[in-house]
């Protein structure tokens, strides 16, 4: 299992893991921005931090399959 992770990491840093790395970075940025906005907005309405983090993480995790539905690896 560690060999698979090591091999994937080497391919990632060589730029040979994804077919379109710009698409991958764009989708990660979208998810990060939306998750951060949800977290900050929930914190601003004085929700307990534990609940705000849990809700933001859940929403971001739910978004990932939709953001990466067209994701291709080499």
PDB file of N, CA and C in Angstrom:
ATOM      1  N   UNK A   1       0.825  -1.187   0.000  1.00  0.00           N
ATOM      2  CA  UNK A   1       0.000   0.000   0.000  1.00  0.00           C
ATOM      3  C   UNK A   1       0.876   1.261   0.000  1.00  0.00           C
ATOM      4  N   UNK A   2       1.958   1.214   0.761  1.00  0.00           N
ATOM      5  CA  UNK A   2       2.859   2.358   0.773  1.00  0.00           C
ATOM      6  C   UNK A   2       3.536   2.531  -0.588  1.00  0.00           C
ATOM      7  N   UNK A   3       3.772   1.431  -1.293  1.00  0.00           N
ATOM      8  CA  UNK A   3       4.379   1.524  -2.618  1.00  0.00           C
ATOM      9  C   UNK A   3       3.453   2.229  -3.600  1.00  0.00           C
ATOM     10  N   UNK A   4       2.155   1.954  -3.498  1.00  0.00           N
ATOM     11  CA  UNK A   4       1.186   2.620  -4.370  1.00  0.00           C
ATOM     12  C   UNK A   4       1.159   4.111  -4.081  1.00  0.00           C
ATOM     13  N   UNK A   5       1.140   4.464  -2.803  1.00  0.00           N
ATOM     14  CA  UNK A   5       1.127   5.874  -2.425  1.00  0.00           C
ATOM     15  C   UNK A   5       2.411   6.564  -2.875  1.00  0.00           C
ATOM     16  N   UNK A   6       3.540   5.902  -2.713  1.00  0.00           N
ATOM     17  CA  UNK A   6       4.824   6.478  -3.120  1.00  0.00           C
ATOM     18  C   UNK A   6       4.880   6.670  -4.632  1.00  0.00           C
ATOM     19  N   UNK A   7       4.416   5.669  -5.383  1.00  0.00           N
ATOM     20  CA  UNK A   7       4.402   5.757  -6.837  1.00  0.00           C
ATOM     21  C   UNK A   7       3.481   6.886  -7.298  1.00  0.00           C
ATOM     22  N   UNK A   8       2.298   6.999  -6.686  1.00  0.00           N
ATOM     23  CA  UNK A   8       1.366   8.078  -7.045  1.00  0.00           C
ATOM     24  C   UNK A   8       1.956   9.443  -6.725  1.00  0.00           C
ATOM     25  N   UNK A   9       2.613   9.556  -5.584  1.00  0.00           N
ATOM     26  CA  UNK A   9       3.231  10.837  -5.216  1.00  0.00           C
ATOM     27  C   UNK A   9       4.328  11.213  -6.206  1.00  0.00           C
ATOM     28  N   UNK A  10       5.144  10.238  -6.615  1.00  0.00           N
ATOM     29  CA  UNK A  10       6.198  10.531  -7.589  1.00  0.00           C
ATOM     30  C   UNK A  10       5.600  10.994  -8.915  1.00  0.00           C
ATOM     31  N   UNK A  11       4.549  10.321  -9.382  1.00  0.00           N
ATOM     32  CA  UNK A  11       3.906  10.734 -10.625  1.00  0.00           C
ATOM     33  C   UNK A  11       3.284  12.125 -10.495  1.00  0.00           C
ATOM     34  N   UNK A  12       2.689  12.392  -9.329  1.00  0.00           N
ATOM     35  CA  UNK A  12       2.076  13.699  -9.111  1.00  0.00           C
ATOM     36  C   UNK A  12       3.112  14.810  -9.211  1.00  0.00           C
ATOM     37  N   UNK A  13       4.246  14.646  -8.541  1.00  0.00           N
ATOM     38  CA  UNK A  13       5.258  15.694  -8.548  1.00  0.00           C
ATOM     39  C   UNK A  13       5.981  15.811  -9.881  1.00  0.00           C
ATOM     40  N   UNK A  14       5.969  14.748 -10.697  1.00  0.00           N
ATOM     41  CA  UNK A  14       6.519  14.832 -12.042  1.00  0.00           C
ATOM     42  C   UNK A  14       5.522  15.458 -13.020  1.00  0.00           C
ATOM     43  N   UNK A  15       4.252  15.572 -12.592  1.00  0.00           N
ATOM     44  CA  UNK A  15       3.218  16.130 -13.458  1.00  0.00           C
ATOM     45  C   UNK A  15       2.625  15.122 -14.413  1.00  0.00           C
ATOM     46  N   UNK A  16       2.752  13.828 -14.107  1.00  0.00           N
ATOM     47  CA  UNK A  16       2.269  12.788 -15.012  1.00  0.00           C
ATOM     48  C   UNK A  16       1.087  12.001 -14.442  1.00  0.00           C
ATOM     49  N   UNK A  17       0.496  12.455 -13.333  1.00  0.00           N
ATOM     50  CA  UNK A  17      -0.594  11.698 -12.719  1.00  0.00           C
ATOM     51  C   UNK A  17      -1.947  12.057 -13.325  1.00  0.00           C
ATOM     52  N   UNK A  18      -2.144  13.331 -13.622  1.00  0.00           N
ATOM     53  CA  UNK A  18      -3.427  13.797 -14.138  1.00  0.00           C
ATOM     54  C   UNK A  18      -3.303  14.168 -15.604  1.00  0.00           C
ATOM     55  N   UNK A  19      -4.391  13.970 -16.345  1.00  0.00           N
ATOM     56  CA  UNK A  19      -4.394  14.380 -17.754  1.00  0.00           C
ATOM     57  C   UNK A  19      -4.438  15.897 -17.874  1.00  0.00           C
ATOM     58  N   UNK A  20      -5.215  16.542 -16.988  1.00  0.00           N
ATOM     59  CA  UNK A  20      -5.361  18.002 -17.029  1.00  0.00           C
ATOM     60  C   UNK A  20      -5.179  18.558 -15.619  1.00  0.00           C
ATOM     61  N   UNK A  21      -3.930  18.836 -15.220  1.00  0.00           N
ATOM     62  CA  UNK A  21      -3.695  19.305 -13.858  1.00  0.00           C
ATOM     63  C   UNK A  21      -4.324  20.666 -13.561  1.00  0.00           C
ATOM     64  N   UNK A  22      -4.515  21.503 -14.568  1.00  0.00           N
ATOM     65  CA  UNK A  22      -5.134  22.811 -14.354  1.00  0.00           C
ATOM     66  C   UNK A  22      -6.596  22.623 -13.936  1.00  0.00           C
ATOM     67  N   UNK A  23      -7.283  21.680 -14.553  1.00  0.00           N
ATOM     68  CA  UNK A  23      -8.669  21.375 -14.181  1.00  0.00           C
ATOM     69  C   UNK A  23      -8.733  20.897 -12.730  1.00  0.00           C
ATOM     70  N   UNK A  24      -7.805  20.032 -12.337  1.00  0.00           N
ATOM     71  CA  UNK A  24      -7.770  19.516 -10.971  1.00  0.00           C
ATOM     72  C   UNK A  24      -7.563  20.652  -9.970  1.00  0.00           C
ATOM     73  N   UNK A  25      -6.625  21.535 -10.236  1.00  0.00           N
ATOM     74  CA  UNK A  25      -6.355  22.651  -9.327  1.00  0.00           C
ATOM     75  C   UNK A  25      -7.539  23.603  -9.270  1.00  0.00           C
ATOM     76  N   UNK A  26      -8.195  23.821 -10.415  1.00  0.00           N
ATOM     77  CA  UNK A  26      -9.367  24.698 -10.446  1.00  0.00           C
ATOM     78  C   UNK A  26     -10.499  24.124  -9.598  1.00  0.00           C
ATOM     79  N   UNK A  27     -10.739  22.830  -9.701  1.00  0.00           N
ATOM     80  CA  UNK A  27     -11.808  22.208  -8.938  1.00  0.00           C
ATOM     81  C   UNK A  27     -11.494  22.210  -7.439  1.00  0.00           C
ATOM     82  N   UNK A  28     -10.243  21.973  -7.081  1.00  0.00           N
ATOM     83  CA  UNK A  28      -9.841  22.026  -5.676  1.00  0.00           C
ATOM     84  C   UNK A  28     -10.021  23.439  -5.132  1.00  0.00           C
ATOM     85  N   UNK A  29      -9.679  24.449  -5.933  1.00  0.00           N
ATOM     86  CA  UNK A  29      -9.831  25.838  -5.504  1.00  0.00           C
ATOM     87  C   UNK A  29     -11.300  26.192  -5.293  1.00  0.00           C
ATOM     88  N   UNK A  30     -12.161  25.724  -6.183  1.00  0.00           N
ATOM     89  CA  UNK A  30     -13.601  25.976  -6.038  1.00  0.00           C
ATOM     90  C   UNK A  30     -14.114  25.371  -4.742  1.00  0.00           C
ATOM     91  N   UNK A  31     -13.756  24.127  -4.468  1.00  0.00           N
ATOM     92  CA  UNK A  31     -14.210  23.465  -3.248  1.00  0.00           C
ATOM     93  C   UNK A  31     -13.663  24.161  -2.006  1.00  0.00           C
ATOM     94  N   UNK A  32     -12.413  24.589  -2.053  1.00  0.00           N
ATOM     95  CA  UNK A  32     -11.806  25.270  -0.907  1.00  0.00           C
ATOM     96  C   UNK A  32     -12.483  26.610  -0.628  1.00  0.00           C
ATOM     97  N   UNK A  33     -12.748  27.355  -1.681  1.00  0.00           N
ATOM     98  CA  UNK A  33     -13.395  28.660  -1.513  1.00  0.00           C
ATOM     99  C   UNK A  33     -14.804  28.504  -0.965  1.00  0.00           C
ATOM    100  N   UNK A  34     -15.580  27.579  -1.512  1.00  0.00           N
ATOM    101  CA  UNK A  34     -16.945  27.378  -1.036  1.00  0.00           C
ATOM    102  C   UNK A  34     -16.944  26.886   0.412  1.00  0.00           C
ATOM    103  N   UNK A  35     -16.077  25.935   0.723  1.00  0.00           N
ATOM    104  CA  UNK A  35     -15.994  25.433   2.097  1.00  0.00           C
ATOM    105  C   UNK A  35     -15.583  26.518   3.071  1.00  0.00           C
ATOM    106  N   UNK A  36     -14.633  27.354   2.671  1.00  0.00           N
ATOM    107  CA  UNK A  36     -14.187  28.454   3.543  1.00  0.00           C
ATOM    108  C   UNK A  36     -15.289  29.489   3.750  1.00  0.00           C
ATOM    109  N   UNK A  37     -16.010  29.808   2.683  1.00  0.00           N
ATOM    110  CA  UNK A  37     -17.116  30.765   2.811  1.00  0.00           C
ATOM    111  C   UNK A  37     -18.206  30.237   3.726  1.00  0.00           C
ATOM    112  N   UNK A  38     -18.517  28.964   3.621  1.00  0.00           N
ATOM    113  CA  UNK A  38     -19.521  28.371   4.505  1.00  0.00           C
ATOM    114  C   UNK A  38     -19.048  28.406   5.952  1.00  0.00           C
ATOM    115  N   UNK A  39     -17.793  28.057   6.175  1.00  0.00           N
ATOM    116  CA  UNK A  39     -17.244  28.064   7.530  1.00  0.00           C
ATOM    117  C   UNK A  39     -17.271  29.467   8.128  1.00  0.00           C
ATOM    118  N   UNK A  40     -16.823  30.453   7.387  1.00  0.00           N
ATOM    119  CA  UNK A  40     -16.795  31.822   7.899  1.00  0.00           C
ATOM    120  C   UNK A  40     -18.210  32.343   8.137  1.00  0.00           C
ATOM    121  N   UNK A  41     -19.120  32.065   7.211  1.00  0.00           N
ATOM    122  CA  UNK A  41     -20.490  32.561   7.385  1.00  0.00           C
ATOM    123  C   UNK A  41     -21.165  31.905   8.593  1.00  0.00           C
ATOM    124  N   UNK A  42     -20.929  30.624   8.813  1.00  0.00           N
ATOM    125  CA  UNK A  42     -21.507  29.972   9.985  1.00  0.00           C
ATOM    126  C   UNK A  42     -20.866  30.476  11.272  1.00  0.00           C
ATOM    127  N   UNK A  43     -19.590  30.793  11.233  1.00  0.00           N
ATOM    128  CA  UNK A  43     -18.922  31.344  12.419  1.00  0.00           C
ATOM    129  C   UNK A  43     -19.416  32.760  12.704  1.00  0.00           C
ATOM    130  N   UNK A  44     -19.740  33.512  11.664  1.00  0.00           N
ATOM    131  CA  UNK A  44     -20.226  34.875  11.864  1.00  0.00           C
ATOM    132  C   UNK A  44     -21.623  34.927  12.471  1.00  0.00           C
ATOM    133  N   UNK A  45     -22.422  33.893  12.266  1.00  0.00           N
ATOM    134  CA  UNK A  45     -23.756  33.894  12.865  1.00  0.00           C
ATOM    135  C   UNK A  45     -23.727  33.260  14.256  1.00  0.00           C
ATOM    136  N   UNK A  46     -22.524  33.159  14.816  1.00  0.00           N
ATOM    137  CA  UNK A  46     -22.299  32.719  16.195  1.00  0.00           C
ATOM    138  C   UNK A  46     -22.706  31.272  16.454  1.00  0.00           C
ATOM    139  N   UNK A  47     -22.544  30.422  15.445  1.00  0.00           N
ATOM    140  CA  UNK A  47     -22.738  28.990  15.631  1.00  0.00           C
ATOM    141  C   UNK A  47     -21.518  28.452  16.371  1.00  0.00           C
ATOM    142  N   UNK A  48     -21.693  27.459  17.230  1.00  0.00           N
ATOM    143  CA  UNK A  48     -20.508  26.890  17.885  1.00  0.00           C
ATOM    144  C   UNK A  48     -19.501  26.401  16.840  1.00  0.00           C
ATOM    145  N   UNK A  49     -18.219  26.589  17.138  1.00  0.00           N
ATOM    146  CA  UNK A  49     -17.168  26.286  16.169  1.00  0.00           C
ATOM    147  C   UNK A  49     -17.212  24.823  15.735  1.00  0.00           C
ATOM    148  N   UNK A  50     -17.477  23.918  16.654  1.00  0.00           N
ATOM    149  CA  UNK A  50     -17.551  22.497  16.318  1.00  0.00           C
ATOM    150  C   UNK A  50     -18.630  22.240  15.270  1.00  0.00           C
ATOM    151  N   UNK A  51     -19.782  22.840  15.445  1.00  0.00           N
ATOM    152  CA  UNK A  51     -20.873  22.659  14.495  1.00  0.00           C
ATOM    153  C   UNK A  51     -20.562  23.322  13.148  1.00  0.00           C
ATOM    154  N   UNK A  52     -19.932  24.491  13.186  1.00  0.00           N
ATOM    155  CA  UNK A  52     -19.579  25.190  11.943  1.00  0.00           C
ATOM    156  C   UNK A  52     -18.563  24.387  11.140  1.00  0.00           C
ATOM    157  N   UNK A  53     -17.545  23.845  11.810  1.00  0.00           N
ATOM    158  CA  UNK A  53     -16.517  23.059  11.112  1.00  0.00           C
ATOM    159  C   UNK A  53     -17.116  21.771  10.567  1.00  0.00           C
ATOM    160  N   UNK A  54     -17.943  21.107  11.367  1.00  0.00           N
ATOM    161  CA  UNK A  54     -18.554  19.851  10.919  1.00  0.00           C
ATOM    162  C   UNK A  54     -19.462  20.079   9.712  1.00  0.00           C
ATOM    163  N   UNK A  55     -20.263  21.129   9.744  1.00  0.00           N
ATOM    164  CA  UNK A  55     -21.171  21.423   8.631  1.00  0.00           C
ATOM    165  C   UNK A  55     -20.396  21.796   7.372  1.00  0.00           C
ATOM    166  N   UNK A  56     -19.385  22.619   7.532  1.00  0.00           N
ATOM    167  CA  UNK A  56     -18.571  23.025   6.391  1.00  0.00           C
ATOM    168  C   UNK A  56     -17.849  21.826   5.778  1.00  0.00           C
ATOM    169  N   UNK A  57     -17.297  20.970   6.602  1.00  0.00           N
ATOM    170  CA  UNK A  57     -16.605  19.776   6.105  1.00  0.00           C
ATOM    171  C   UNK A  57     -17.563  18.829   5.405  1.00  0.00           C
ATOM    172  N   UNK A  58     -18.734  18.661   5.961  1.00  0.00           N
ATOM    173  CA  UNK A  58     -19.733  17.782   5.345  1.00  0.00           C
ATOM    174  C   UNK A  58     -20.150  18.313   3.984  1.00  0.00           C
ATOM    175  N   UNK A  59     -20.411  19.597   3.898  1.00  0.00           N
ATOM    176  CA  UNK A  59     -20.816  20.195   2.623  1.00  0.00           C
ATOM    177  C   UNK A  59     -19.706  20.086   1.574  1.00  0.00           C
ATOM    178  N   UNK A  60     -18.478  20.342   1.994  1.00  0.00           N
ATOM    179  CA  UNK A  60     -17.351  20.240   1.059  1.00  0.00           C
ATOM    180  C   UNK A  60     -17.166  18.798   0.597  1.00  0.00           C
ATOM    181  N   UNK A  61     -17.311  17.838   1.500  1.00  0.00           N
ATOM    182  CA  UNK A  61     -17.199  16.434   1.130  1.00  0.00           C
ATOM    183  C   UNK A  61     -18.304  15.979   0.193  1.00  0.00           C
ATOM    184  N   UNK A  62     -19.497  16.528   0.378  1.00  0.00           N
ATOM    185  CA  UNK A  62     -20.614  16.193  -0.509  1.00  0.00           C
ATOM    186  C   UNK A  62     -20.392  16.770  -1.905  1.00  0.00           C
ATOM    187  N   UNK A  63     -19.739  17.932  -1.992  1.00  0.00           N
ATOM    188  CA  UNK A  63     -19.484  18.574  -3.288  1.00  0.00           C
ATOM    189  C   UNK A  63     -18.450  17.842  -4.130  1.00  0.00           C
ATOM    190  N   UNK A  64     -17.505  17.181  -3.506  1.00  0.00           N
ATOM    191  CA  UNK A  64     -16.370  16.600  -4.230  1.00  0.00           C
ATOM    192  C   UNK A  64     -16.761  15.652  -5.368  1.00  0.00           C
ATOM    193  N   UNK A  65     -17.671  14.704  -5.165  1.00  0.00           N
ATOM    194  CA  UNK A  65     -18.011  13.830  -6.309  1.00  0.00           C
ATOM    195  C   UNK A  65     -18.589  14.591  -7.497  1.00  0.00           C
ATOM    196  N   UNK A  66     -19.321  15.663  -7.233  1.00  0.00           N
ATOM    197  CA  UNK A  66     -19.888  16.452  -8.326  1.00  0.00           C
ATOM    198  C   UNK A  66     -18.818  17.285  -9.022  1.00  0.00           C
ATOM    199  N   UNK A  67     -17.856  17.783  -8.264  1.00  0.00           N
ATOM    200  CA  UNK A  67     -16.789  18.580  -8.863  1.00  0.00           C
ATOM    201  C   UNK A  67     -15.832  17.719  -9.686  1.00  0.00           C
ATOM    202  N   UNK A  68     -15.646  16.471  -9.292  1.00  0.00           N
ATOM    203  CA  UNK A  68     -14.666  15.608  -9.963  1.00  0.00           C
ATOM    204  C   UNK A  68     -15.317  14.516 -10.804  1.00  0.00           C
ATOM    205  N   UNK A  69     -16.540  14.728 -11.254  1.00  0.00           N
ATOM    206  CA  UNK A  69     -17.204  13.696 -12.059  1.00  0.00           C
ATOM    207  C   UNK A  69     -16.549  13.516 -13.422  1.00  0.00           C
ATOM    208  N   UNK A  70     -15.913  14.556 -13.950  1.00  0.00           N
ATOM    209  CA  UNK A  70     -15.252  14.471 -15.255  1.00  0.00           C
ATOM    210  C   UNK A  70     -13.734  14.364 -15.121  1.00  0.00           C
ATOM    211  N   UNK A  71     -13.251  14.028 -13.961  1.00  0.00           N
ATOM    212  CA  UNK A  71     -11.820  13.969 -13.659  1.00  0.00           C
ATOM    213  C   UNK A  71     -11.186  12.738 -14.292  1.00  0.00           C
ATOM    214  N   UNK A  72     -10.071  12.930 -14.982  1.00  0.00           N
ATOM    215  CA  UNK A  72      -9.381  11.837 -15.657  1.00  0.00           C
ATOM    216  C   UNK A  72      -7.944  11.750 -15.176  1.00  0.00           C
ATOM    217  N   UNK A  73      -7.498  10.523 -14.951  1.00  0.00           N
ATOM    218  CA  UNK A  73      -6.108  10.285 -14.605  1.00  0.00           C
ATOM    219  C   UNK A  73      -5.443   9.565 -15.772  1.00  0.00           C
ATOM    220  N   UNK A  74      -4.122   9.664 -15.858  1.00  0.00           N
ATOM    221  CA  UNK A  74      -3.404   8.996 -16.956  1.00  0.00           C
ATOM    222  C   UNK A  74      -3.186   7.545 -16.649  1.00  0.00           C
TER     223      UNK A  74
END
